[in-house]
PDB file of N, CA and C in Angstrom:
ATOM      1  N   UNK A   1     129.725 127.626 -15.734  1.00  0.00           N
ATOM      2  CA  UNK A   1     129.439 128.616 -16.731  1.00  0.00           C
ATOM      3  C   UNK A   1     129.093 129.926 -16.030  1.00  0.00           C
ATOM      4  N   UNK A   2     129.464 131.049 -16.607  1.00  0.00           N
ATOM      5  CA  UNK A   2     129.239 132.349 -16.007  1.00  0.00           C
ATOM      6  C   UNK A   2     127.981 132.989 -16.544  1.00  0.00           C
ATOM      7  N   UNK A   3     127.396 133.820 -15.670  1.00  0.00           N
ATOM      8  CA  UNK A   3     126.222 134.590 -16.067  1.00  0.00           C
ATOM      9  C   UNK A   3     126.654 135.867 -16.767  1.00  0.00           C
ATOM     10  N   UNK A   4     125.722 136.799 -17.000  1.00  0.00           N
ATOM     11  CA  UNK A   4     126.040 138.002 -17.747  1.00  0.00           C
ATOM     12  C   UNK A   4     127.033 138.924 -17.044  1.00  0.00           C
ATOM     13  N   UNK A   5     127.121 138.891 -15.738  1.00  0.00           N
ATOM     14  CA  UNK A   5     128.049 139.761 -15.009  1.00  0.00           C
ATOM     15  C   UNK A   5     129.311 139.029 -14.586  1.00  0.00           C
ATOM     16  N   UNK A   6     129.565 137.897 -15.152  1.00  0.00           N
ATOM     17  CA  UNK A   6     130.738 137.111 -14.799  1.00  0.00           C
ATOM     18  C   UNK A   6     130.542 136.281 -13.546  1.00  0.00           C
ATOM     19  N   UNK A   7     129.355 136.315 -12.968  1.00  0.00           N
ATOM     20  CA  UNK A   7     129.065 135.510 -11.790  1.00  0.00           C
ATOM     21  C   UNK A   7     128.611 134.136 -12.236  1.00  0.00           C
ATOM     22  N   UNK A   8     128.826 133.143 -11.395  1.00  0.00           N
ATOM     23  CA  UNK A   8     128.367 131.806 -11.773  1.00  0.00           C
ATOM     24  C   UNK A   8     126.846 131.828 -11.971  1.00  0.00           C
ATOM     25  N   UNK A   9     126.397 131.167 -12.987  1.00  0.00           N
ATOM     26  CA  UNK A   9     124.955 131.145 -13.212  1.00  0.00           C
ATOM     27  C   UNK A   9     124.308 130.177 -12.230  1.00  0.00           C
ATOM     28  N   UNK A  10     123.202 130.621 -11.646  1.00  0.00           N
ATOM     29  CA  UNK A  10     122.461 129.830 -10.671  1.00  0.00           C
ATOM     30  C   UNK A  10     121.063 129.663 -11.221  1.00  0.00           C
ATOM     31  N   UNK A  11     120.585 128.444 -11.251  1.00  0.00           N
ATOM     32  CA  UNK A  11     119.221 128.245 -11.727  1.00  0.00           C
ATOM     33  C   UNK A  11     118.248 129.089 -10.911  1.00  0.00           C
ATOM     34  N   UNK A  12     117.214 129.607 -11.534  1.00  0.00           N
ATOM     35  CA  UNK A  12     116.255 130.509 -10.898  1.00  0.00           C
ATOM     36  C   UNK A  12     115.610 129.873  -9.680  1.00  0.00           C
ATOM     37  N   UNK A  13     115.202 128.640  -9.750  1.00  0.00           N
ATOM     38  CA  UNK A  13     114.576 127.971  -8.613  1.00  0.00           C
ATOM     39  C   UNK A  13     115.499 127.888  -7.423  1.00  0.00           C
ATOM     40  N   UNK A  14     116.769 127.615  -7.673  1.00  0.00           N
ATOM     41  CA  UNK A  14     117.734 127.493  -6.583  1.00  0.00           C
ATOM     42  C   UNK A  14     117.975 128.859  -5.940  1.00  0.00           C
ATOM     43  N   UNK A  15     118.027 129.889  -6.745  1.00  0.00           N
ATOM     44  CA  UNK A  15     118.234 131.237  -6.217  1.00  0.00           C
ATOM     45  C   UNK A  15     117.057 131.640  -5.314  1.00  0.00           C
ATOM     46  N   UNK A  16     115.840 131.314  -5.713  1.00  0.00           N
ATOM     47  CA  UNK A  16     114.671 131.623  -4.896  1.00  0.00           C
ATOM     48  C   UNK A  16     114.702 130.846  -3.580  1.00  0.00           C
ATOM     49  N   UNK A  17     115.160 129.599  -3.637  1.00  0.00           N
ATOM     50  CA  UNK A  17     115.266 128.798  -2.418  1.00  0.00           C
ATOM     51  C   UNK A  17     116.290 129.399  -1.463  1.00  0.00           C
ATOM     52  N   UNK A  18     117.408 129.866  -2.022  1.00  0.00           N
ATOM     53  CA  UNK A  18     118.443 130.480  -1.187  1.00  0.00           C
ATOM     54  C   UNK A  18     117.931 131.769  -0.548  1.00  0.00           C
ATOM     55  N   UNK A  19     117.187 132.565  -1.287  1.00  0.00           N
ATOM     56  CA  UNK A  19     116.622 133.799  -0.750  1.00  0.00           C
ATOM     57  C   UNK A  19     115.607 133.481   0.352  1.00  0.00           C
ATOM     58  N   UNK A  20     114.799 132.447   0.134  1.00  0.00           N
ATOM     59  CA  UNK A  20     113.826 132.045   1.149  1.00  0.00           C
ATOM     60  C   UNK A  20     114.547 131.571   2.405  1.00  0.00           C
ATOM     61  N   UNK A  21     115.634 130.819   2.217  1.00  0.00           N
ATOM     62  CA  UNK A  21     116.411 130.340   3.365  1.00  0.00           C
ATOM     63  C   UNK A  21     117.020 131.525   4.111  1.00  0.00           C
ATOM     64  N   UNK A  22     117.534 132.512   3.373  1.00  0.00           N
ATOM     65  CA  UNK A  22     118.098 133.705   4.009  1.00  0.00           C
ATOM     66  C   UNK A  22     117.029 134.434   4.830  1.00  0.00           C
ATOM     67  N   UNK A  23     115.835 134.555   4.292  1.00  0.00           N
ATOM     68  CA  UNK A  23     114.744 135.207   5.019  1.00  0.00           C
ATOM     69  C   UNK A  23     114.388 134.426   6.282  1.00  0.00           C
ATOM     70  N   UNK A  24     114.423 133.103   6.191  1.00  0.00           N
ATOM     71  CA  UNK A  24     114.143 132.278   7.371  1.00  0.00           C
ATOM     72  C   UNK A  24     115.205 132.497   8.444  1.00  0.00           C
ATOM     73  N   UNK A  25     116.481 132.600   8.030  1.00  0.00           N
ATOM     74  CA  UNK A  25     117.546 132.853   8.997  1.00  0.00           C
ATOM     75  C   UNK A  25     117.366 134.210   9.667  1.00  0.00           C
ATOM     76  N   UNK A  26     116.979 135.201   8.896  1.00  0.00           N
ATOM     77  CA  UNK A  26     116.741 136.528   9.457  1.00  0.00           C
ATOM     78  C   UNK A  26     115.601 136.458  10.475  1.00  0.00           C
ATOM     79  N   UNK A  27     114.517 135.773  10.116  1.00  0.00           N
ATOM     80  CA  UNK A  27     113.375 135.631  11.025  1.00  0.00           C
ATOM     81  C   UNK A  27     113.787 134.866  12.287  1.00  0.00           C
ATOM     82  N   UNK A  28     114.565 133.800  12.124  1.00  0.00           N
ATOM     83  CA  UNK A  28     115.033 133.033  13.288  1.00  0.00           C
ATOM     84  C   UNK A  28     115.920 133.883  14.191  1.00  0.00           C
ATOM     85  N   UNK A  29     116.786 134.674  13.585  1.00  0.00           N
ATOM     86  CA  UNK A  29     117.661 135.547  14.380  1.00  0.00           C
ATOM     87  C   UNK A  29     116.846 136.558  15.169  1.00  0.00           C
ATOM     88  N   UNK A  30     115.817 137.111  14.555  1.00  0.00           N
ATOM     89  CA  UNK A  30     114.948 138.054  15.268  1.00  0.00           C
ATOM     90  C   UNK A  30     114.249 137.375  16.436  1.00  0.00           C
ATOM     91  N   UNK A  31     113.742 136.168  16.209  1.00  0.00           N
ATOM     92  CA  UNK A  31     113.081 135.433  17.290  1.00  0.00           C
ATOM     93  C   UNK A  31     114.058 135.117  18.411  1.00  0.00           C
ATOM     94  N   UNK A  32     115.268 134.703  18.053  1.00  0.00           N
ATOM     95  CA  UNK A  32     116.277 134.404  19.072  1.00  0.00           C
ATOM     96  C   UNK A  32     116.641 135.662  19.860  1.00  0.00           C
ATOM     97  N   UNK A  33     116.718 136.801  19.188  1.00  0.00           N
ATOM     98  CA  UNK A  33     116.983 138.060  19.887  1.00  0.00           C
ATOM     99  C   UNK A  33     115.865 138.379  20.874  1.00  0.00           C
ATOM    100  N   UNK A  34     114.619 138.156  20.469  1.00  0.00           N
ATOM    101  CA  UNK A  34     113.491 138.407  21.364  1.00  0.00           C
ATOM    102  C   UNK A  34     113.521 137.457  22.556  1.00  0.00           C
ATOM    103  N   UNK A  35     113.809 136.195  22.307  1.00  0.00           N
ATOM    104  CA  UNK A  35     113.894 135.206  23.392  1.00  0.00           C
ATOM    105  C   UNK A  35     115.015 135.587  24.348  1.00  0.00           C
ATOM    106  N   UNK A  36     116.150 135.985  23.793  1.00  0.00           N
ATOM    107  CA  UNK A  36     117.284 136.385  24.620  1.00  0.00           C
ATOM    108  C   UNK A  36     116.929 137.594  25.480  1.00  0.00           C
ATOM    109  N   UNK A  37     116.227 138.544  24.901  1.00  0.00           N
ATOM    110  CA  UNK A  37     115.793 139.724  25.644  1.00  0.00           C
ATOM    111  C   UNK A  37     114.851 139.332  26.788  1.00  0.00           C
ATOM    112  N   UNK A  38     113.911 138.440  26.507  1.00  0.00           N
ATOM    113  CA  UNK A  38     112.987 137.966  27.548  1.00  0.00           C
ATOM    114  C   UNK A  38     113.739 137.249  28.661  1.00  0.00           C
ATOM    115  N   UNK A  39     114.703 136.427  28.299  1.00  0.00           N
ATOM    116  CA  UNK A  39     115.490 135.710  29.306  1.00  0.00           C
ATOM    117  C   UNK A  39     116.310 136.675  30.157  1.00  0.00           C
ATOM    118  N   UNK A  40     116.868 137.709  29.528  1.00  0.00           N
ATOM    119  CA  UNK A  40     117.605 138.721  30.290  1.00  0.00           C
ATOM    120  C   UNK A  40     116.685 139.418  31.278  1.00  0.00           C
ATOM    121  N   UNK A  41     115.471 139.736  30.825  1.00  0.00           N
ATOM    122  CA  UNK A  41     114.488 140.387  31.683  1.00  0.00           C
ATOM    123  C   UNK A  41     114.123 139.487  32.863  1.00  0.00           C
ATOM    124  N   UNK A  42     113.892 138.213  32.590  1.00  0.00           N
ATOM    125  CA  UNK A  42     113.572 137.259  33.664  1.00  0.00           C
ATOM    126  C   UNK A  42     114.726 137.123  34.656  1.00  0.00           C
ATOM    127  N   UNK A  43     115.934 137.091  34.136  1.00  0.00           N
ATOM    128  CA  UNK A  43     117.101 136.966  35.007  1.00  0.00           C
ATOM    129  C   UNK A  43     117.220 138.189  35.920  1.00  0.00           C
ATOM    130  N   UNK A  44     116.969 139.365  35.363  1.00  0.00           N
ATOM    131  CA  UNK A  44     117.031 140.591  36.160  1.00  0.00           C
ATOM    132  C   UNK A  44     115.957 140.571  37.256  1.00  0.00           C
ATOM    133  N   UNK A  45     114.735 140.179  36.889  1.00  0.00           N
ATOM    134  CA  UNK A  45     113.657 140.104  37.885  1.00  0.00           C
ATOM    135  C   UNK A  45     113.978 139.067  38.945  1.00  0.00           C
ATOM    136  N   UNK A  46     114.567 137.951  38.546  1.00  0.00           N
ATOM    137  CA  UNK A  46     114.945 136.901  39.486  1.00  0.00           C
ATOM    138  C   UNK A  46     115.998 137.419  40.471  1.00  0.00           C
ATOM    139  N   UNK A  47     116.962 138.183  39.967  1.00  0.00           N
ATOM    140  CA  UNK A  47     117.994 138.738  40.841  1.00  0.00           C
ATOM    141  C   UNK A  47     117.391 139.699  41.865  1.00  0.00           C
ATOM    142  N   UNK A  48     116.456 140.549  41.417  1.00  0.00           N
ATOM    143  CA  UNK A  48     115.806 141.494  42.322  1.00  0.00           C
ATOM    144  C   UNK A  48     114.999 140.735  43.374  1.00  0.00           C
ATOM    145  N   UNK A  49     114.243 139.738  42.934  1.00  0.00           N
ATOM    146  CA  UNK A  49     113.436 138.942  43.857  1.00  0.00           C
ATOM    147  C   UNK A  49     114.319 138.221  44.868  1.00  0.00           C
ATOM    148  N   UNK A  50     115.410 137.662  44.400  1.00  0.00           N
ATOM    149  CA  UNK A  50     116.340 136.959  45.277  1.00  0.00           C
ATOM    150  C   UNK A  50     116.900 137.907  46.333  1.00  0.00           C
ATOM    151  N   UNK A  51     117.259 139.128  45.935  1.00  0.00           N
ATOM    152  CA  UNK A  51     117.786 140.106  46.890  1.00  0.00           C
ATOM    153  C   UNK A  51     116.727 140.479  47.922  1.00  0.00           C
ATOM    154  N   UNK A  52     115.480 140.666  47.477  1.00  0.00           N
ATOM    155  CA  UNK A  52     114.407 141.001  48.419  1.00  0.00           C
ATOM    156  C   UNK A  52     114.150 139.859  49.396  1.00  0.00           C
ATOM    157  N   UNK A  53     114.196 138.624  48.905  1.00  0.00           N
ATOM    158  CA  UNK A  53     113.988 137.477  49.795  1.00  0.00           C
ATOM    159  C   UNK A  53     115.102 137.358  50.817  1.00  0.00           C
ATOM    160  N   UNK A  54     116.330 137.638  50.399  1.00  0.00           N
ATOM    161  CA  UNK A  54     117.453 137.607  51.347  1.00  0.00           C
ATOM    162  C   UNK A  54     117.287 138.681  52.423  1.00  0.00           C
ATOM    163  N   UNK A  55     116.831 139.875  51.999  1.00  0.00           N
ATOM    164  CA  UNK A  55     116.573 140.937  52.978  1.00  0.00           C
ATOM    165  C   UNK A  55     115.503 140.506  53.973  1.00  0.00           C
ATOM    166  N   UNK A  56     114.437 139.910  53.473  1.00  0.00           N
ATOM    167  CA  UNK A  56     113.353 139.442  54.340  1.00  0.00           C
ATOM    168  C   UNK A  56     113.847 138.368  55.298  1.00  0.00           C
ATOM    169  N   UNK A  57     114.639 137.443  54.795  1.00  0.00           N
ATOM    170  CA  UNK A  57     115.183 136.385  55.640  1.00  0.00           C
ATOM    171  C   UNK A  57     116.051 136.969  56.744  1.00  0.00           C
ATOM    172  N   UNK A  58     116.911 137.901  56.385  1.00  0.00           N
ATOM    173  CA  UNK A  58     117.783 138.516  57.383  1.00  0.00           C
ATOM    174  C   UNK A  58     116.965 139.310  58.404  1.00  0.00           C
ATOM    175  N   UNK A  59     115.944 140.007  57.926  1.00  0.00           N
ATOM    176  CA  UNK A  59     115.064 140.757  58.822  1.00  0.00           C
ATOM    177  C   UNK A  59     114.362 139.813  59.799  1.00  0.00           C
ATOM    178  N   UNK A  60     113.869 138.696  59.294  1.00  0.00           N
ATOM    179  CA  UNK A  60     113.202 137.715  60.157  1.00  0.00           C
ATOM    180  C   UNK A  60     114.168 137.110  61.165  1.00  0.00           C
ATOM    181  N   UNK A  61     115.376 136.841  60.737  1.00  0.00           N
ATOM    182  CA  UNK A  61     116.386 136.293  61.667  1.00  0.00           C
ATOM    183  C   UNK A  61     116.669 137.288  62.791  1.00  0.00           C
ATOM    184  N   UNK A  62     116.813 138.570  62.397  1.00  0.00           N
ATOM    185  CA  UNK A  62     117.093 139.590  63.404  1.00  0.00           C
ATOM    186  C   UNK A  62     115.915 139.737  64.361  1.00  0.00           C
ATOM    187  N   UNK A  63     114.706 139.693  63.826  1.00  0.00           N
ATOM    188  CA  UNK A  63     113.501 139.806  64.652  1.00  0.00           C
ATOM    189  C   UNK A  63     113.413 138.638  65.644  1.00  0.00           C
ATOM    190  N   UNK A  64     113.666 137.428  65.156  1.00  0.00           N
ATOM    191  CA  UNK A  64     113.661 136.260  66.057  1.00  0.00           C
ATOM    192  C   UNK A  64     114.732 136.378  67.124  1.00  0.00           C
ATOM    193  N   UNK A  65     115.890 136.878  66.733  1.00  0.00           N
ATOM    194  CA  UNK A  65     116.975 137.065  67.702  1.00  0.00           C
ATOM    195  C   UNK A  65     116.561 138.085  68.759  1.00  0.00           C
ATOM    196  N   UNK A  66     115.949 139.178  68.321  1.00  0.00           N
ATOM    197  CA  UNK A  66     115.489 140.202  69.259  1.00  0.00           C
ATOM    198  C   UNK A  66     114.416 139.648  70.197  1.00  0.00           C
ATOM    199  N   UNK A  67     113.468 138.899  69.634  1.00  0.00           N
ATOM    200  CA  UNK A  67     112.409 138.307  70.454  1.00  0.00           C
ATOM    201  C   UNK A  67     112.978 137.317  71.450  1.00  0.00           C
ATOM    202  N   UNK A  68     113.953 136.541  71.002  1.00  0.00           N
ATOM    203  CA  UNK A  68     114.580 135.562  71.892  1.00  0.00           C
ATOM    204  C   UNK A  68     115.317 136.269  73.023  1.00  0.00           C
ATOM    205  N   UNK A  69     116.036 137.316  72.685  1.00  0.00           N
ATOM    206  CA  UNK A  69     116.765 138.083  73.705  1.00  0.00           C
ATOM    207  C   UNK A  69     115.785 138.704  74.695  1.00  0.00           C
ATOM    208  N   UNK A  70     114.701 139.302  74.160  1.00  0.00           N
ATOM    209  CA  UNK A  70     113.692 139.901  75.030  1.00  0.00           C
ATOM    210  C   UNK A  70     113.029 138.836  75.911  1.00  0.00           C
ATOM    211  N   UNK A  71     112.753 137.675  75.340  1.00  0.00           N
ATOM    212  CA  UNK A  71     112.163 136.580  76.102  1.00  0.00           C
ATOM    213  C   UNK A  71     113.061 136.133  77.235  1.00  0.00           C
ATOM    214  N   UNK A  72     114.348 136.049  76.971  1.00  0.00           N
ATOM    215  CA  UNK A  72     115.300 135.648  78.008  1.00  0.00           C
ATOM    216  C   UNK A  72     115.358 136.696  79.107  1.00  0.00           C
ATOM    217  N   UNK A  73     115.306 137.983  78.734  1.00  0.00           N
ATOM    218  CA  UNK A  73     115.305 139.050  79.743  1.00  0.00           C
ATOM    219  C   UNK A  73     114.067 138.946  80.624  1.00  0.00           C
ATOM    220  N   UNK A  74     112.926 138.664  80.005  1.00  0.00           N
ATOM    221  CA  UNK A  74     111.677 138.521  80.762  1.00  0.00           C
ATOM    222  C   UNK A  74     111.767 137.354  81.734  1.00  0.00           C
ATOM    223  N   UNK A  75     112.354 136.262  81.307  1.00  0.00           N
ATOM    224  CA  UNK A  75     112.492 135.081  82.181  1.00  0.00           C
ATOM    225  C   UNK A  75     113.397 135.411  83.353  1.00  0.00           C
ATOM    226  N   UNK A  76     114.506 136.089  83.059  1.00  0.00           N
ATOM    227  CA  UNK A  76     115.454 136.450  84.122  1.00  0.00           C
ATOM    228  C   UNK A  76     114.777 137.390  85.126  1.00  0.00           C
ATOM    229  N   UNK A  77     114.027 138.365  84.620  1.00  0.00           N
ATOM    230  CA  UNK A  77     113.333 139.293  85.512  1.00  0.00           C
ATOM    231  C   UNK A  77     112.312 138.566  86.377  1.00  0.00           C
ATOM    232  N   UNK A  78     111.590 137.649  85.789  1.00  0.00           N
ATOM    233  CA  UNK A  78     110.568 136.895  86.516  1.00  0.00           C
ATOM    234  C   UNK A  78     111.204 136.078  87.634  1.00  0.00           C
ATOM    235  N   UNK A  79     112.300 135.405  87.350  1.00  0.00           N
ATOM    236  CA  UNK A  79     112.980 134.574  88.359  1.00  0.00           C
ATOM    237  C   UNK A  79     113.679 135.432  89.409  1.00  0.00           C
ATOM    238  N   UNK A  80     114.122 136.602  89.041  1.00  0.00           N
ATOM    239  CA  UNK A  80     114.831 137.436  90.036  1.00  0.00           C
ATOM    240  C   UNK A  80     113.862 138.073  91.017  1.00  0.00           C
ATOM    241  N   UNK A  81     112.596 138.177  90.649  1.00  0.00           N
ATOM    242  CA  UNK A  81     111.585 138.734  91.551  1.00  0.00           C
ATOM    243  C   UNK A  81     111.165 137.741  92.621  1.00  0.00           C
ATOM    244  N   UNK A  82     111.354 136.481  92.361  1.00  0.00           N
ATOM    245  CA  UNK A  82     110.912 135.438  93.296  1.00  0.00           C
ATOM    246  C   UNK A  82     111.800 135.315  94.474  1.00  0.00           C
TER     247      UNK A  82
END
């Protein structure tokens, strides 16, 4: 049966339930958008942290290599003096 505007008639209680469900979907979408934004932020911070850790690791490797090279030079100098 049609309502006054030619639209199907919907019982009032059912229409209110549908509106409440629509509002819940809107609220859920907003929450999901906020969660997604937080996850993007965390991912960006993780990428920056990962890059800094790689730089530190490479710096430490180079420092150890330099120390090892210097140590070997010192050993060679010590033995050549004898």
